[in-house]
Amino acid sequence: MTAVPVEGHVSSGFAPIADAFADNFRHHGDTAASCVVYAQGEPVVDIWAGQTARGAWTPDARTVMFSVSKGVTTVCLLMAAERGLIDLDAPVAKYWPEFAENGKEATTVRQLLAHQVGLVAPEADVTLEDLRAWEPVADKLARQAPAWVPGTAYAYHALTFGWLAGEVLRRATGLRPSQWLREHVADPLNLTMTYGADPESADFHPLSDPLPITDPESAAMMATALAAPMVERSVSLGGLFDAARIAQVANTEAWLSVEIPAGNLVTDARSLARLYAATVGEVDGVRLLGPDVVRDALVVRSEGRPFVGPDTGSGWGTGFMTSSTHRPMIGPGSFGHDGLGGCLGFAHLESETAFAYQTAQPGGLPDDRADALSRALRACL
């Protein structure tokens, strides 16, 4: 394939990341992407390349990053916890009394963040108006009976995580995730990062149609997962969205006009890497999380076979994905979150390193692009 010109800056010693980035275009289907790496609070890699339907890809191009959102929302809650506004081991009902219904009175905030609460999908239908109003979705989940005794099992809360975590934040601090993100994260760090966006904004780039799934085993696993009603409803939010076409749905006004703290973060790789850099060190005088909070959040809480859905090999701490066979990042001590389609943001406390990969070309399966860049970073450290 024709080489795509890679623009940007790579510091001495980090050239392997640029090589892996270019290789993603040559051999792995990338058409527009960015990769940014911070080390000790400074950007050491800031590269981009490609085109989208909106034109040339630039470093300020923003896209939907799906479940990368969960890592950002987790940062917001952990900030509130570090300030004494939330006790992670207290019952959710301490902040959100209605949540105590149907046997959930002892469920803790930490269990909620570790996908152990048993509210994977809404049982009651929700509407777009409910999403825009926020409270109706949170109220439905608060009154719902869990699929298992909270804390005894786990399963990935694909979208409900956002309202569950977000309502705890709102009840404890008075701010919804979008407000906390703006006031305490994006503005202090000068980030371009929001839940949702105006699809007509000059810096917004729609995602391309996903690359095909070329591995029959992966295709069968995905088909089996979506055939399970609870999994399908978790991705479609009870049928509101088309689970089989979620990459295309993400470009629509319906998806972008609401606040989905588990799935519709719109940002760029520069902002994402800068955020994670500020969780492991200072960035221009701003630090979001202290080391003790990070180490506590890194303790693995959920892994192995889930209550429903496939065992992907992933592991979760308190909100964050941790280094696992599915997503090694740069090894033990890494924390962050990936997103459907291939995006990834993470940090590593001991090395004070942060990483972000953003692509406008959702991957099929298998998709090695983010892991190839992570391996290259690991080799540079």
Protein backbone atom coordinates (compact mmCIF):
# COMPACT_ATOMS: atom_id res chain seq x y z
CA MET A 1 0.00 0.00 0.00
CA THR A 2 1.05 3.63 -0.52
CA ALA A 3 2.67 5.14 2.52
CA VAL A 4 0.65 7.85 4.28
CA PRO A 5 2.64 10.95 5.31
CA VAL A 6 2.91 11.07 9.11
CA GLU A 7 3.03 14.56 10.57
CA GLY A 8 3.99 15.79 14.02
CA HIS A 9 6.83 15.38 16.49
CA VAL A 10 8.70 12.38 17.90
CA SER A 11 11.36 12.87 20.58
CA SER A 12 14.64 11.01 20.48
CA GLY A 13 14.25 7.41 21.62
CA PHE A 14 10.58 7.11 20.64
CA ALA A 15 10.91 6.48 16.90
CA PRO A 16 9.55 2.89 17.17
CA ILE A 17 6.12 4.35 17.99
CA ALA A 18 6.12 6.35 14.77
CA ASP A 19 7.15 3.23 12.86
CA ALA A 20 4.28 1.22 14.38
CA PHE A 21 1.90 4.09 13.67
CA ALA A 22 2.86 4.16 9.97
CA ASP A 23 2.59 0.38 9.85
CA ASN A 24 -1.03 0.62 11.02
CA PHE A 25 -1.78 2.57 7.85
CA ARG A 26 0.20 0.27 5.59
CA HIS A 27 -1.06 -3.05 6.90
CA HIS A 28 -3.92 -2.67 9.40
CA GLY A 29 -6.50 -0.48 7.70
CA ASP A 30 -6.01 2.85 9.43
CA THR A 31 -7.22 5.80 7.35
CA ALA A 32 -7.08 8.66 9.87
CA ALA A 33 -5.48 8.49 13.31
CA SER A 34 -3.42 10.20 15.99
CA CYS A 35 -1.07 8.94 18.70
CA VAL A 36 0.22 11.01 21.61
CA VAL A 37 2.56 9.95 24.42
CA TYR A 38 3.56 11.90 27.52
CA ALA A 39 6.57 11.13 29.71
CA GLN A 40 7.14 12.95 33.00
CA GLY A 41 4.52 15.54 32.12
CA GLU A 42 5.82 16.41 28.65
CA PRO A 43 4.65 15.26 25.20
CA VAL A 44 7.31 13.05 23.59
CA VAL A 45 5.18 11.75 20.71
CA ASP A 46 2.49 13.77 18.94
CA ILE A 47 1.77 12.37 15.47
CA TRP A 48 -1.17 12.20 13.10
CA ALA A 49 -2.00 11.18 9.54
CA GLY A 50 -4.82 10.50 7.12
CA GLN A 51 -8.11 11.75 5.73
CA THR A 52 -11.78 11.40 6.59
CA ALA A 53 -14.98 12.37 4.79
CA ARG A 54 -14.54 15.82 6.38
CA GLY A 55 -11.09 16.27 4.83
CA ALA A 56 -7.52 16.20 6.10
CA TRP A 57 -7.02 14.77 9.59
CA THR A 58 -5.49 17.26 12.01
CA PRO A 59 -4.28 16.96 15.62
CA ASP A 60 -7.41 18.74 16.87
CA ALA A 61 -9.80 16.41 15.03
CA ARG A 62 -12.34 15.00 17.49
CA THR A 63 -14.23 11.72 17.29
CA VAL A 64 -16.48 9.58 19.43
CA MET A 65 -14.27 7.26 21.52
CA PHE A 66 -16.97 4.99 22.97
CA SER A 67 -15.89 3.28 26.21
CA VAL A 68 -12.75 5.37 26.54
CA SER A 69 -15.44 7.50 28.19
CA LYS A 70 -15.51 5.15 31.19
CA GLY A 71 -11.89 5.85 32.07
CA VAL A 72 -12.53 9.60 31.97
CA THR A 73 -15.68 9.27 34.07
CA THR A 74 -13.71 7.16 36.54
CA VAL A 75 -11.12 9.93 36.85
CA CYS A 76 -13.93 12.34 37.73
CA LEU A 77 -15.28 10.09 40.50
CA LEU A 78 -11.85 9.33 41.91
CA MET A 79 -11.11 13.05 42.06
CA ALA A 80 -14.29 13.51 44.09
CA ALA A 81 -13.30 10.59 46.32
CA GLU A 82 -9.84 12.00 46.93
CA ARG A 83 -11.46 15.28 48.00
CA GLY A 84 -13.56 13.42 50.57
CA LEU A 85 -16.84 13.89 48.72
CA ILE A 86 -17.33 10.17 47.95
CA ASP A 87 -16.39 7.11 50.03
CA LEU A 88 -15.77 4.33 47.51
CA ASP A 89 -16.57 1.63 50.07
CA ALA A 90 -19.78 3.25 51.31
CA PRO A 91 -23.17 2.08 50.07
CA VAL A 92 -24.38 3.80 46.93
CA ALA A 93 -27.58 4.52 48.88
CA LYS A 94 -25.64 6.87 51.18
CA TYR A 95 -25.61 9.34 48.29
CA TRP A 96 -28.55 8.04 46.26
CA PRO A 97 -31.23 6.74 48.69
CA GLU A 98 -33.57 5.44 45.97
CA PHE A 99 -30.86 3.00 44.89
CA ALA A 100 -31.51 0.85 47.97
CA GLU A 101 -34.60 -0.73 46.39
CA ASN A 102 -34.73 -4.43 45.45
CA GLY A 103 -31.89 -5.66 47.63
CA LYS A 104 -29.27 -3.10 46.60
CA GLU A 105 -29.03 -1.34 49.96
CA ALA A 106 -25.53 -2.70 50.72
CA THR A 107 -24.12 -2.25 47.21
CA THR A 108 -20.99 -0.07 47.37
CA VAL A 109 -19.73 2.61 45.05
CA ARG A 110 -16.64 0.50 44.38
CA GLN A 111 -18.78 -2.48 43.31
CA LEU A 112 -20.69 -0.20 40.98
CA LEU A 113 -17.45 1.04 39.38
CA ALA A 114 -16.18 -2.56 39.06
CA HIS A 115 -19.22 -3.68 37.00
CA GLN A 116 -20.49 -5.83 39.88
CA VAL A 117 -23.86 -4.18 40.51
CA GLY A 118 -26.01 -6.36 38.21
CA LEU A 119 -27.67 -3.54 36.24
CA VAL A 120 -26.12 -4.34 32.88
CA ALA A 121 -29.11 -3.17 30.84
CA PRO A 122 -32.32 -1.29 31.55
CA GLU A 123 -35.32 -3.58 31.94
CA ALA A 124 -37.74 -0.71 31.36
CA ASP A 125 -37.60 0.97 27.97
CA VAL A 126 -36.00 4.39 27.81
CA THR A 127 -36.52 7.16 25.29
CA LEU A 128 -34.25 9.78 23.83
CA GLU A 129 -36.15 12.32 25.91
CA ASP A 130 -35.27 10.28 29.02
CA LEU A 131 -31.60 10.44 28.07
CA ARG A 132 -31.74 14.19 27.54
CA ALA A 133 -33.41 14.69 30.93
CA TRP A 134 -30.89 12.38 32.70
CA GLU A 135 -32.95 11.72 35.84
CA PRO A 136 -35.49 9.32 34.25
CA VAL A 137 -32.72 6.89 33.24
CA ALA A 138 -31.07 7.07 36.67
CA ASP A 139 -34.46 6.58 38.36
CA LYS A 140 -35.27 3.47 36.31
CA LEU A 141 -31.92 1.91 37.18
CA ALA A 142 -32.24 2.80 40.86
CA ARG A 143 -35.55 0.95 41.12
CA GLN A 144 -34.48 -2.07 39.04
CA ALA A 145 -33.74 -5.43 40.63
CA PRO A 146 -30.15 -6.57 39.98
CA ALA A 147 -29.50 -9.63 37.80
CA TRP A 148 -27.34 -11.10 40.59
CA VAL A 149 -26.51 -10.26 44.19
CA PRO A 150 -24.23 -7.23 43.83
CA GLY A 151 -20.62 -8.04 44.57
CA THR A 152 -20.95 -11.77 43.83
CA ALA A 153 -20.41 -11.59 40.05
CA TYR A 154 -19.63 -9.08 37.33
CA ALA A 155 -20.55 -8.28 33.75
CA TYR A 156 -19.66 -5.35 31.56
CA HIS A 157 -22.12 -2.45 31.98
CA ALA A 158 -21.63 -1.10 28.46
CA LEU A 159 -23.77 2.04 28.78
CA THR A 160 -25.55 1.91 32.14
CA PHE A 161 -22.17 2.44 33.83
CA GLY A 162 -22.43 6.09 32.81
CA TRP A 163 -25.72 6.81 34.56
CA LEU A 164 -24.82 4.69 37.59
CA ALA A 165 -21.45 6.31 38.18
CA GLY A 166 -22.69 9.68 36.99
CA GLU A 167 -25.64 9.80 39.36
CA VAL A 168 -23.40 8.97 42.34
CA LEU A 169 -21.20 11.89 41.29
CA ARG A 170 -24.21 14.17 40.88
CA ARG A 171 -25.75 13.25 44.24
CA ALA A 172 -22.43 13.60 46.08
CA THR A 173 -21.15 16.78 44.45
CA GLY A 174 -24.09 18.47 42.74
CA LEU A 175 -22.37 18.15 39.37
CA ARG A 176 -23.15 15.75 36.54
CA PRO A 177 -20.13 14.17 34.81
CA SER A 178 -20.22 16.73 31.98
CA GLN A 179 -20.05 19.57 34.50
CA TRP A 180 -17.29 18.01 36.61
CA LEU A 181 -15.33 17.19 33.47
CA ARG A 182 -15.54 20.77 32.25
CA GLU A 183 -14.89 22.55 35.55
CA HIS A 184 -12.31 20.28 37.19
CA VAL A 185 -10.56 18.55 34.27
CA ALA A 186 -10.97 20.09 30.82
CA ASP A 187 -10.74 23.77 31.74
CA PRO A 188 -7.73 23.46 34.11
CA LEU A 189 -5.83 21.33 31.58
CA ASN A 190 -7.07 23.18 28.48
CA LEU A 191 -8.61 20.04 26.95
CA THR A 192 -11.10 19.78 24.12
CA MET A 193 -13.22 17.03 25.67
CA THR A 194 -16.98 16.67 26.13
CA TYR A 195 -19.67 14.02 26.41
CA GLY A 196 -21.49 14.45 23.11
CA ALA A 197 -20.91 17.24 20.60
CA ASP A 198 -22.44 19.21 17.77
CA PRO A 199 -22.00 16.90 14.74
CA GLU A 200 -21.63 19.99 12.56
CA SER A 201 -18.68 21.35 14.54
CA ALA A 202 -15.65 22.06 12.40
CA ASP A 203 -13.42 19.82 14.53
CA PHE A 204 -15.81 16.83 14.63
CA HIS A 205 -15.03 13.94 12.28
CA PRO A 206 -17.58 11.14 11.82
CA LEU A 207 -16.34 7.60 12.22
CA SER A 208 -15.96 5.52 9.07
CA ASP A 209 -17.82 2.26 8.56
CA PRO A 210 -16.00 -0.45 10.54
CA LEU A 211 -13.41 -2.70 8.96
CA PRO A 212 -14.63 -6.27 8.41
CA ILE A 213 -14.26 -9.02 10.98
CA THR A 214 -11.78 -11.40 9.35
CA ASP A 215 -11.48 -13.97 12.15
CA PRO A 216 -14.35 -16.51 12.12
CA GLU A 217 -13.94 -17.29 15.82
CA SER A 218 -14.22 -13.61 16.74
CA ALA A 219 -17.23 -13.20 14.47
CA ALA A 220 -18.95 -16.17 16.12
CA MET A 221 -18.15 -14.87 19.61
CA MET A 222 -19.62 -11.45 18.81
CA ALA A 223 -22.74 -12.97 17.23
CA THR A 224 -23.26 -15.21 20.27
CA ALA A 225 -22.82 -12.29 22.66
CA LEU A 226 -25.33 -10.06 20.87
CA ALA A 227 -27.78 -12.95 20.75
CA ALA A 228 -27.99 -12.84 24.56
CA PRO A 229 -30.86 -10.42 25.33
CA MET A 230 -29.08 -8.81 28.30
CA VAL A 231 -25.95 -8.11 26.23
CA GLU A 232 -27.93 -6.78 23.27
CA ARG A 233 -29.97 -4.50 25.53
CA SER A 234 -26.79 -3.32 27.26
CA VAL A 235 -25.36 -2.05 23.96
CA SER A 236 -28.64 -0.85 22.44
CA LEU A 237 -29.82 0.67 25.73
CA GLY A 238 -32.92 -1.46 25.68
CA GLY A 239 -33.47 -1.18 21.93
CA LEU A 240 -33.12 2.59 21.65
CA PHE A 241 -30.04 2.25 19.44
CA ASP A 242 -29.08 -0.35 16.83
CA ALA A 243 -26.49 -2.52 18.59
CA ALA A 244 -25.30 -4.07 15.31
CA ARG A 245 -24.56 -0.63 13.79
CA ILE A 246 -23.36 1.25 16.83
CA ALA A 247 -20.35 2.76 15.01
CA GLN A 248 -22.71 4.40 12.52
CA VAL A 249 -25.17 5.37 15.28
CA ALA A 250 -22.34 7.25 17.03
CA ASN A 251 -22.25 9.80 14.21
CA THR A 252 -25.91 10.74 14.61
CA GLU A 253 -27.47 13.71 16.33
CA ALA A 254 -29.39 11.33 18.60
CA TRP A 255 -26.17 9.84 20.03
CA LEU A 256 -24.28 13.11 20.17
CA SER A 257 -27.02 15.33 21.64
CA VAL A 258 -27.15 13.57 25.03
CA GLU A 259 -24.74 12.86 27.88
CA ILE A 260 -23.60 9.22 27.93
CA PRO A 261 -20.63 9.12 30.33
CA ALA A 262 -19.95 5.48 29.43
CA GLY A 263 -19.93 5.86 25.68
CA ASN A 264 -20.06 9.22 23.91
CA LEU A 265 -16.90 11.05 24.93
CA VAL A 266 -15.82 13.25 22.01
CA THR A 267 -12.19 14.30 22.12
CA ASP A 268 -8.78 14.11 20.45
CA ALA A 269 -5.66 12.14 21.28
CA ARG A 270 -3.81 15.22 22.54
CA SER A 271 -6.48 15.90 25.15
CA LEU A 272 -6.78 12.26 26.17
CA ALA A 273 -3.05 11.76 26.67
CA ARG A 274 -2.78 15.05 28.55
CA LEU A 275 -5.60 13.99 30.90
CA TYR A 276 -3.94 10.65 31.68
CA ALA A 277 -0.56 12.34 32.12
CA ALA A 278 -2.14 14.46 34.85
CA THR A 279 -3.23 11.32 36.73
CA VAL A 280 0.39 10.19 37.22
CA GLY A 281 2.22 13.51 37.51
CA GLU A 282 1.90 17.24 37.05
CA VAL A 283 1.09 18.75 33.67
CA ASP A 284 1.69 22.51 33.64
CA GLY A 285 1.11 22.56 37.38
CA VAL A 286 -2.09 20.48 37.32
CA ARG A 287 -2.39 16.99 38.84
CA LEU A 288 -5.74 15.19 38.87
CA LEU A 289 -5.06 12.18 41.13
CA GLY A 290 -2.57 11.35 43.85
CA PRO A 291 -0.50 8.14 43.69
CA ASP A 292 -2.32 6.44 46.58
CA VAL A 293 -5.69 6.87 44.86
CA VAL A 294 -4.29 5.45 41.65
CA ARG A 295 -2.72 2.44 43.37
CA ASP A 296 -6.00 1.68 45.13
CA ALA A 297 -7.92 1.92 41.84
CA LEU A 298 -5.46 -0.48 40.20
CA VAL A 299 -6.36 -3.41 42.48
CA VAL A 300 -8.17 -5.90 40.20
CA ARG A 301 -11.78 -6.35 41.28
CA SER A 302 -13.39 -8.09 38.29
CA GLU A 303 -11.91 -10.62 35.89
CA GLY A 304 -12.56 -14.10 34.47
CA ARG A 305 -15.88 -15.39 33.21
CA PRO A 306 -18.63 -12.78 33.52
CA PHE A 307 -22.25 -13.38 34.50
CA VAL A 308 -23.25 -12.84 30.87
CA GLY A 309 -21.23 -12.38 27.69
CA PRO A 310 -17.84 -13.75 26.65
CA ASP A 311 -14.70 -13.84 28.76
CA THR A 312 -12.53 -11.44 26.76
CA GLY A 313 -9.56 -11.72 29.09
CA SER A 314 -10.07 -8.18 30.41
CA GLY A 315 -9.70 -7.05 33.99
CA TRP A 316 -11.12 -4.07 35.87
CA GLY A 317 -10.05 -2.30 39.01
CA THR A 318 -12.14 0.50 40.46
CA GLY A 319 -13.53 1.82 37.18
CA PHE A 320 -10.35 1.47 35.13
CA MET A 321 -9.34 -1.37 32.86
CA THR A 322 -6.09 -2.84 34.13
CA SER A 323 -3.29 -4.58 32.23
CA SER A 324 -4.59 -7.95 31.01
CA THR A 325 -4.14 -10.54 28.29
CA HIS A 326 -6.79 -8.68 26.29
CA ARG A 327 -5.30 -5.21 26.74
CA PRO A 328 -1.70 -5.34 28.09
CA MET A 329 -1.03 -1.61 27.66
CA ILE A 330 2.59 -1.39 28.87
CA GLY A 331 2.26 -4.09 31.50
CA PRO A 332 1.40 -4.29 35.20
CA GLY A 333 0.66 -0.90 36.71
CA SER A 334 -1.10 0.35 33.57
CA PHE A 335 -4.64 1.66 33.86
CA GLY A 336 -7.12 3.31 31.52
CA HIS A 337 -9.80 2.19 29.11
CA ASP A 338 -10.23 1.24 25.49
CA GLY A 339 -13.23 1.87 23.28
CA LEU A 340 -15.20 0.02 20.65
CA GLY A 341 -13.46 0.46 17.33
CA GLY A 342 -9.91 0.57 18.64
CA CYS A 343 -9.25 3.80 20.57
CA LEU A 344 -7.24 3.55 23.78
CA GLY A 345 -6.10 5.85 26.57
CA PHE A 346 -4.00 4.83 29.57
CA ALA A 347 -1.29 5.79 32.01
CA HIS A 348 1.42 4.04 34.01
CA LEU A 349 2.16 5.43 37.45
CA GLU A 350 5.75 4.32 38.09
CA SER A 351 7.08 5.51 34.73
CA GLU A 352 4.84 8.63 34.69
CA THR A 353 3.86 7.72 31.15
CA ALA A 354 0.55 8.39 29.40
CA PHE A 355 -0.68 7.19 26.02
CA ALA A 356 -3.56 7.92 23.65
CA TYR A 357 -4.46 6.38 20.31
CA GLN A 358 -7.39 7.78 18.36
CA THR A 359 -8.71 6.40 15.09
CA ALA A 360 -11.57 7.43 12.83
CA GLN A 361 -11.52 3.95 11.27
CA PRO A 362 -13.19 1.47 13.62
CA GLY A 363 -11.39 -1.84 13.48
CA GLY A 364 -12.75 -5.25 12.78
CA LEU A 365 -11.55 -8.30 14.67
CA PRO A 366 -8.76 -8.99 15.25
CA ASP A 367 -7.53 -5.40 15.76
CA ASP A 368 -3.90 -5.07 16.83
CA ARG A 369 -3.39 -1.35 16.14
CA ALA A 370 -3.48 0.04 19.69
CA ASP A 371 -1.55 -2.94 21.08
CA ALA A 372 1.15 -2.54 18.42
CA LEU A 373 1.65 1.06 19.49
CA SER A 374 1.65 0.03 23.16
CA ARG A 375 4.31 -2.61 22.48
CA ALA A 376 6.42 0.00 20.73
CA LEU A 377 6.07 2.35 23.70
CA ARG A 378 7.03 -0.42 26.12
CA ALA A 379 10.18 -1.06 24.07
CA CYS A 380 11.12 2.62 24.35
CA LEU A 381 10.95 2.80 28.13
